[in-house]
Amino acid sequence: MHDFQFFGGGWMMFFWWFLIIALIVIIVKALFYSKPNREKYTPLEILERRYAKGEIDKEEYEKRKEDLL
């Protein structure tokens, strides 16, 4: 008979199934777990976020805001 001859038969069948499942997992991770692009934020928005998080104090925030504007 010609069982699994298209996929190479025997152990090759397991290899192809592993490859197909791995590709599906990679595609799903790329679609659903991608990080947002940080370049879409303006420098002022980044500065405001840093101030809101408490990374910089008010004096430094005001100074850098003046520099940006």
PDB file of N, CA and C in Angstrom:
ATOM      1  N   MET A   1       0.827  -1.191   0.000  1.00  0.00           N
ATOM      2  CA  MET A   1       0.000   0.000   0.000  1.00  0.00           C
ATOM      3  C   MET A   1       0.867   1.248   0.000  1.00  0.00           C
ATOM      4  N   HIS A   2       0.234   2.356  -0.213  1.00  0.00           N
ATOM      5  CA  HIS A   2       0.936   3.632  -0.249  1.00  0.00           C
ATOM      6  C   HIS A   2       0.539   4.502   0.947  1.00  0.00           C
ATOM      7  N   ASP A   3       0.747   4.006   2.149  1.00  0.00           N
ATOM      8  CA  ASP A   3       0.381   4.755   3.350  1.00  0.00           C
ATOM      9  C   ASP A   3       1.339   5.918   3.574  1.00  0.00           C
ATOM     10  N   PHE A   4       0.800   7.119   3.653  1.00  0.00           N
ATOM     11  CA  PHE A   4       1.544   8.334   3.981  1.00  0.00           C
ATOM     12  C   PHE A   4       2.732   8.596   3.046  1.00  0.00           C
ATOM     13  N   GLN A   5       2.671   8.151   1.824  1.00  0.00           N
ATOM     14  CA  GLN A   5       3.794   8.353   0.912  1.00  0.00           C
ATOM     15  C   GLN A   5       3.981   9.828   0.559  1.00  0.00           C
ATOM     16  N   PHE A   6       2.909  10.597   0.582  1.00  0.00           N
ATOM     17  CA  PHE A   6       3.032  12.017   0.256  1.00  0.00           C
ATOM     18  C   PHE A   6       3.874  12.747   1.302  1.00  0.00           C
ATOM     19  N   PHE A   7       3.721  12.381   2.563  1.00  0.00           N
ATOM     20  CA  PHE A   7       4.463  13.033   3.648  1.00  0.00           C
ATOM     21  C   PHE A   7       5.809  12.378   3.914  1.00  0.00           C
ATOM     22  N   GLY A   8       6.157  11.329   3.251  1.00  0.00           N
ATOM     23  CA  GLY A   8       7.429  10.677   3.463  1.00  0.00           C
ATOM     24  C   GLY A   8       7.302   9.405   4.281  1.00  0.00           C
ATOM     25  N   GLY A   9       6.150   9.156   4.869  1.00  0.00           N
ATOM     26  CA  GLY A   9       5.901   7.931   5.607  1.00  0.00           C
ATOM     27  C   GLY A   9       6.588   7.870   6.952  1.00  0.00           C
ATOM     28  N   GLY A  10       6.097   7.021   7.819  1.00  0.00           N
ATOM     29  CA  GLY A  10       6.711   6.738   9.116  1.00  0.00           C
ATOM     30  C   GLY A  10       7.043   7.963   9.945  1.00  0.00           C
ATOM     31  N   TRP A  11       8.317   8.110  10.276  1.00  0.00           N
ATOM     32  CA  TRP A  11       8.781   9.210  11.138  1.00  0.00           C
ATOM     33  C   TRP A  11       8.651  10.571  10.472  1.00  0.00           C
ATOM     34  N   MET A  12       8.693  10.598   9.167  1.00  0.00           N
ATOM     35  CA  MET A  12       8.548  11.879   8.469  1.00  0.00           C
ATOM     36  C   MET A  12       7.161  12.477   8.693  1.00  0.00           C
ATOM     37  N   MET A  13       6.161  11.634   8.875  1.00  0.00           N
ATOM     38  CA  MET A  13       4.819  12.125   9.150  1.00  0.00           C
ATOM     39  C   MET A  13       4.810  12.927  10.453  1.00  0.00           C
ATOM     40  N   PHE A  14       5.493  12.427  11.467  1.00  0.00           N
ATOM     41  CA  PHE A  14       5.568  13.146  12.741  1.00  0.00           C
ATOM     42  C   PHE A  14       6.321  14.463  12.582  1.00  0.00           C
ATOM     43  N   PHE A  15       7.364  14.452  11.769  1.00  0.00           N
ATOM     44  CA  PHE A  15       8.116  15.682  11.513  1.00  0.00           C
ATOM     45  C   PHE A  15       7.224  16.730  10.874  1.00  0.00           C
ATOM     46  N   TRP A  16       6.442  16.378   9.858  1.00  0.00           N
ATOM     47  CA  TRP A  16       5.574  17.333   9.173  1.00  0.00           C
ATOM     48  C   TRP A  16       4.496  17.860  10.101  1.00  0.00           C
ATOM     49  N   TRP A  17       3.903  16.988  10.932  1.00  0.00           N
ATOM     50  CA  TRP A  17       2.892  17.455  11.879  1.00  0.00           C
ATOM     51  C   TRP A  17       3.508  18.409  12.887  1.00  0.00           C
ATOM     52  N   PHE A  18       4.702  18.120  13.372  1.00  0.00           N
ATOM     53  CA  PHE A  18       5.396  19.013  14.303  1.00  0.00           C
ATOM     54  C   PHE A  18       5.654  20.357  13.637  1.00  0.00           C
ATOM     55  N   LEU A  19       6.088  20.335  12.398  1.00  0.00           N
ATOM     56  CA  LEU A  19       6.368  21.569  11.666  1.00  0.00           C
ATOM     57  C   LEU A  19       5.101  22.400  11.475  1.00  0.00           C
ATOM     58  N   ILE A  20       4.012  21.765  11.113  1.00  0.00           N
ATOM     59  CA  ILE A  20       2.746  22.475  10.917  1.00  0.00           C
ATOM     60  C   ILE A  20       2.261  23.092  12.222  1.00  0.00           C
ATOM     61  N   ILE A  21       2.306  22.332  13.307  1.00  0.00           N
ATOM     62  CA  ILE A  21       1.862  22.848  14.608  1.00  0.00           C
ATOM     63  C   ILE A  21       2.763  23.980  15.071  1.00  0.00           C
ATOM     64  N   ALA A  22       4.072  23.857  14.888  1.00  0.00           N
ATOM     65  CA  ALA A  22       5.005  24.912  15.276  1.00  0.00           C
ATOM     66  C   ALA A  22       4.728  26.204  14.508  1.00  0.00           C
ATOM     67  N   LEU A  23       4.453  26.104  13.222  1.00  0.00           N
ATOM     68  CA  LEU A  23       4.139  27.291  12.421  1.00  0.00           C
ATOM     69  C   LEU A  23       2.850  27.950  12.885  1.00  0.00           C
ATOM     70  N   ILE A  24       1.853  27.156  13.232  1.00  0.00           N
ATOM     71  CA  ILE A  24       0.594  27.711  13.734  1.00  0.00           C
ATOM     72  C   ILE A  24       0.835  28.451  15.047  1.00  0.00           C
ATOM     73  N   VAL A  25       1.626  27.872  15.943  1.00  0.00           N
ATOM     74  CA  VAL A  25       1.928  28.514  17.224  1.00  0.00           C
ATOM     75  C   VAL A  25       2.679  29.828  17.008  1.00  0.00           C
ATOM     76  N   ILE A  26       3.634  29.835  16.104  1.00  0.00           N
ATOM     77  CA  ILE A  26       4.402  31.057  15.824  1.00  0.00           C
ATOM     78  C   ILE A  26       3.495  32.146  15.261  1.00  0.00           C
ATOM     79  N   ILE A  27       2.606  31.791  14.363  1.00  0.00           N
ATOM     80  CA  ILE A  27       1.697  32.775  13.767  1.00  0.00           C
ATOM     81  C   ILE A  27       0.747  33.334  14.820  1.00  0.00           C
ATOM     82  N   VAL A  28       0.197  32.469  15.671  1.00  0.00           N
ATOM     83  CA  VAL A  28      -0.723  32.929  16.713  1.00  0.00           C
ATOM     84  C   VAL A  28      -0.011  33.861  17.685  1.00  0.00           C
ATOM     85  N   LYS A  29       1.210  33.515  18.093  1.00  0.00           N
ATOM     86  CA  LYS A  29       1.966  34.379  19.008  1.00  0.00           C
ATOM     87  C   LYS A  29       2.258  35.730  18.362  1.00  0.00           C
ATOM     88  N   ALA A  30       2.590  35.723  17.092  1.00  0.00           N
ATOM     89  CA  ALA A  30       2.901  36.977  16.402  1.00  0.00           C
ATOM     90  C   ALA A  30       1.669  37.867  16.300  1.00  0.00           C
ATOM     91  N   LEU A  31       0.518  37.288  16.121  1.00  0.00           N
ATOM     92  CA  LEU A  31      -0.704  38.073  15.962  1.00  0.00           C
ATOM     93  C   LEU A  31      -1.240  38.612  17.287  1.00  0.00           C
ATOM     94  N   PHE A  32      -1.193  37.801  18.328  1.00  0.00           N
ATOM     95  CA  PHE A  32      -1.857  38.179  19.572  1.00  0.00           C
ATOM     96  C   PHE A  32      -0.935  38.711  20.663  1.00  0.00           C
ATOM     97  N   TYR A  33       0.344  38.440  20.581  1.00  0.00           N
ATOM     98  CA  TYR A  33       1.244  38.845  21.654  1.00  0.00           C
ATOM     99  C   TYR A  33       2.293  39.837  21.194  1.00  0.00           C
ATOM    100  N   SER A  34       2.016  40.574  20.130  1.00  0.00           N
ATOM    101  CA  SER A  34       2.994  41.547  19.665  1.00  0.00           C
ATOM    102  C   SER A  34       2.963  42.766  20.575  1.00  0.00           C
ATOM    103  N   LYS A  35       4.131  43.321  20.847  1.00  0.00           N
ATOM    104  CA  LYS A  35       4.236  44.498  21.695  1.00  0.00           C
ATOM    105  C   LYS A  35       3.888  45.736  20.876  1.00  0.00           C
ATOM    106  N   PRO A  36       3.295  46.725  21.528  1.00  0.00           N
ATOM    107  CA  PRO A  36       2.986  47.947  20.782  1.00  0.00           C
ATOM    108  C   PRO A  36       4.269  48.660  20.369  1.00  0.00           C
ATOM    109  N   ASN A  37       4.210  49.310  19.247  1.00  0.00           N
ATOM    110  CA  ASN A  37       5.375  50.026  18.727  1.00  0.00           C
ATOM    111  C   ASN A  37       5.564  51.309  19.527  1.00  0.00           C
ATOM    112  N   ARG A  38       6.693  51.455  20.193  1.00  0.00           N
ATOM    113  CA  ARG A  38       6.932  52.613  21.039  1.00  0.00           C
ATOM    114  C   ARG A  38       7.239  53.874  20.224  1.00  0.00           C
ATOM    115  N   GLU A  39       7.522  53.737  18.955  1.00  0.00           N
ATOM    116  CA  GLU A  39       7.854  54.891  18.136  1.00  0.00           C
ATOM    117  C   GLU A  39       6.630  55.741  17.801  1.00  0.00           C
ATOM    118  N   LYS A  40       5.438  55.248  18.059  1.00  0.00           N
ATOM    119  CA  LYS A  40       4.258  56.022  17.721  1.00  0.00           C
ATOM    120  C   LYS A  40       3.956  57.094  18.767  1.00  0.00           C
ATOM    121  N   TYR A  41       4.643  57.089  19.899  1.00  0.00           N
ATOM    122  CA  TYR A  41       4.461  58.105  20.921  1.00  0.00           C
ATOM    123  C   TYR A  41       5.379  59.287  20.646  1.00  0.00           C
ATOM    124  N   THR A  42       4.857  60.475  20.840  1.00  0.00           N
ATOM    125  CA  THR A  42       5.680  61.669  20.673  1.00  0.00           C
ATOM    126  C   THR A  42       6.586  61.813  21.888  1.00  0.00           C
ATOM    127  N   PRO A  43       7.666  62.573  21.769  1.00  0.00           N
ATOM    128  CA  PRO A  43       8.545  62.789  22.924  1.00  0.00           C
ATOM    129  C   PRO A  43       7.809  63.385  24.128  1.00  0.00           C
ATOM    130  N   LEU A  44       6.853  64.268  23.879  1.00  0.00           N
ATOM    131  CA  LEU A  44       6.102  64.865  24.983  1.00  0.00           C
ATOM    132  C   LEU A  44       5.238  63.820  25.683  1.00  0.00           C
ATOM    133  N   GLU A  45       4.646  62.908  24.919  1.00  0.00           N
ATOM    134  CA  GLU A  45       3.851  61.839  25.529  1.00  0.00           C
ATOM    135  C   GLU A  45       4.722  60.915  26.369  1.00  0.00           C
ATOM    136  N   ILE A  46       5.905  60.632  25.887  1.00  0.00           N
ATOM    137  CA  ILE A  46       6.834  59.792  26.654  1.00  0.00           C
ATOM    138  C   ILE A  46       7.214  60.489  27.953  1.00  0.00           C
ATOM    139  N   LEU A  47       7.481  61.795  27.868  1.00  0.00           N
ATOM    140  CA  LEU A  47       7.826  62.572  29.053  1.00  0.00           C
ATOM    141  C   LEU A  47       6.674  62.564  30.058  1.00  0.00           C
ATOM    142  N   GLU A  48       5.455  62.741  29.577  1.00  0.00           N
ATOM    143  CA  GLU A  48       4.284  62.728  30.462  1.00  0.00           C
ATOM    144  C   GLU A  48       4.106  61.368  31.121  1.00  0.00           C
ATOM    145  N   ARG A  49       4.359  60.309  30.390  1.00  0.00           N
ATOM    146  CA  ARG A  49       4.262  58.958  30.971  1.00  0.00           C
ATOM    147  C   ARG A  49       5.307  58.751  32.067  1.00  0.00           C
ATOM    148  N   ARG A  50       6.518  59.214  31.801  1.00  0.00           N
ATOM    149  CA  ARG A  50       7.588  59.071  32.806  1.00  0.00           C
ATOM    150  C   ARG A  50       7.247  59.843  34.068  1.00  0.00           C
ATOM    151  N   TYR A  51       6.680  61.029  33.908  1.00  0.00           N
ATOM    152  CA  TYR A  51       6.284  61.834  35.067  1.00  0.00           C
ATOM    153  C   TYR A  51       5.140  61.150  35.817  1.00  0.00           C
ATOM    154  N   ALA A  52       4.169  60.609  35.079  1.00  0.00           N
ATOM    155  CA  ALA A  52       3.032  59.929  35.700  1.00  0.00           C
ATOM    156  C   ALA A  52       3.475  58.679  36.458  1.00  0.00           C
ATOM    157  N   LYS A  53       4.491  57.995  35.953  1.00  0.00           N
ATOM    158  CA  LYS A  53       4.990  56.789  36.628  1.00  0.00           C
ATOM    159  C   LYS A  53       5.860  57.122  37.835  1.00  0.00           C
ATOM    160  N   GLY A  54       6.288  58.386  37.941  1.00  0.00           N
ATOM    161  CA  GLY A  54       7.139  58.778  39.052  1.00  0.00           C
ATOM    162  C   GLY A  54       8.615  58.584  38.782  1.00  0.00           C
ATOM    163  N   GLU A  55       8.983  58.379  37.526  1.00  0.00           N
ATOM    164  CA  GLU A  55      10.389  58.181  37.183  1.00  0.00           C
ATOM    165  C   GLU A  55      11.171  59.491  37.288  1.00  0.00           C
ATOM    166  N   ILE A  56      10.489  60.610  37.055  1.00  0.00           N
ATOM    167  CA  ILE A  56      11.138  61.921  37.156  1.00  0.00           C
ATOM    168  C   ILE A  56      10.281  62.811  38.051  1.00  0.00           C
ATOM    169  N   ASP A  57      10.916  63.796  38.680  1.00  0.00           N
ATOM    170  CA  ASP A  57      10.162  64.703  39.549  1.00  0.00           C
ATOM    171  C   ASP A  57       9.623  65.882  38.740  1.00  0.00           C
ATOM    172  N   LYS A  58       8.840  66.752  39.410  1.00  0.00           N
ATOM    173  CA  LYS A  58       8.180  67.853  38.721  1.00  0.00           C
ATOM    174  C   LYS A  58       9.188  68.832  38.121  1.00  0.00           C
ATOM    175  N   GLU A  59      10.270  69.100  38.841  1.00  0.00           N
ATOM    176  CA  GLU A  59      11.281  70.037  38.357  1.00  0.00           C
ATOM    177  C   GLU A  59      11.906  69.544  37.050  1.00  0.00           C
ATOM    178  N   GLU A  60      12.270  68.274  37.021  1.00  0.00           N
ATOM    179  CA  GLU A  60      12.866  67.710  35.804  1.00  0.00           C
ATOM    180  C   GLU A  60      11.835  67.668  34.668  1.00  0.00           C
ATOM    181  N   TYR A  61      10.583  67.349  35.008  1.00  0.00           N
ATOM    182  CA  TYR A  61       9.518  67.325  34.005  1.00  0.00           C
ATOM    183  C   TYR A  61       9.361  68.694  33.353  1.00  0.00           C
ATOM    184  N   GLU A  62       9.276  69.742  34.184  1.00  0.00           N
ATOM    185  CA  GLU A  62       9.100  71.099  33.659  1.00  0.00           C
ATOM    186  C   GLU A  62      10.291  71.510  32.788  1.00  0.00           C
ATOM    187  N   LYS A  63      11.511  71.175  33.238  1.00  0.00           N
ATOM    188  CA  LYS A  63      12.706  71.536  32.480  1.00  0.00           C
ATOM    189  C   LYS A  63      12.725  70.862  31.114  1.00  0.00           C
ATOM    190  N   ARG A  64      12.441  69.587  31.096  1.00  0.00           N
ATOM    191  CA  ARG A  64      12.466  68.851  29.824  1.00  0.00           C
ATOM    192  C   ARG A  64      11.309  69.255  28.914  1.00  0.00           C
ATOM    193  N   LYS A  65      10.185  69.607  29.508  1.00  0.00           N
ATOM    194  CA  LYS A  65       9.046  70.068  28.720  1.00  0.00           C
ATOM    195  C   LYS A  65       9.398  71.378  28.025  1.00  0.00           C
ATOM    196  N   GLU A  66      10.063  72.269  28.732  1.00  0.00           N
ATOM    197  CA  GLU A  66      10.514  73.545  28.137  1.00  0.00           C
ATOM    198  C   GLU A  66      11.466  73.279  26.966  1.00  0.00           C
ATOM    199  N   ASP A  67      12.363  72.313  27.144  1.00  0.00           N
ATOM    200  CA  ASP A  67      13.313  71.971  26.090  1.00  0.00           C
ATOM    201  C   ASP A  67      12.611  71.424  24.842  1.00  0.00           C
ATOM    202  N   LEU A  68      11.560  70.641  25.067  1.00  0.00           N
ATOM    203  CA  LEU A  68      10.843  70.063  23.931  1.00  0.00           C
ATOM    204  C   LEU A  68       9.986  71.087  23.193  1.00  0.00           C
ATOM    205  N   LEU A  69       9.443  72.020  23.934  1.00  0.00           N
ATOM    206  CA  LEU A  69       8.588  73.022  23.296  1.00  0.00           C
ATOM    207  C   LEU A  69       9.436  74.166  22.850  1.00  0.00           C
TER     208      LEU A  69
END
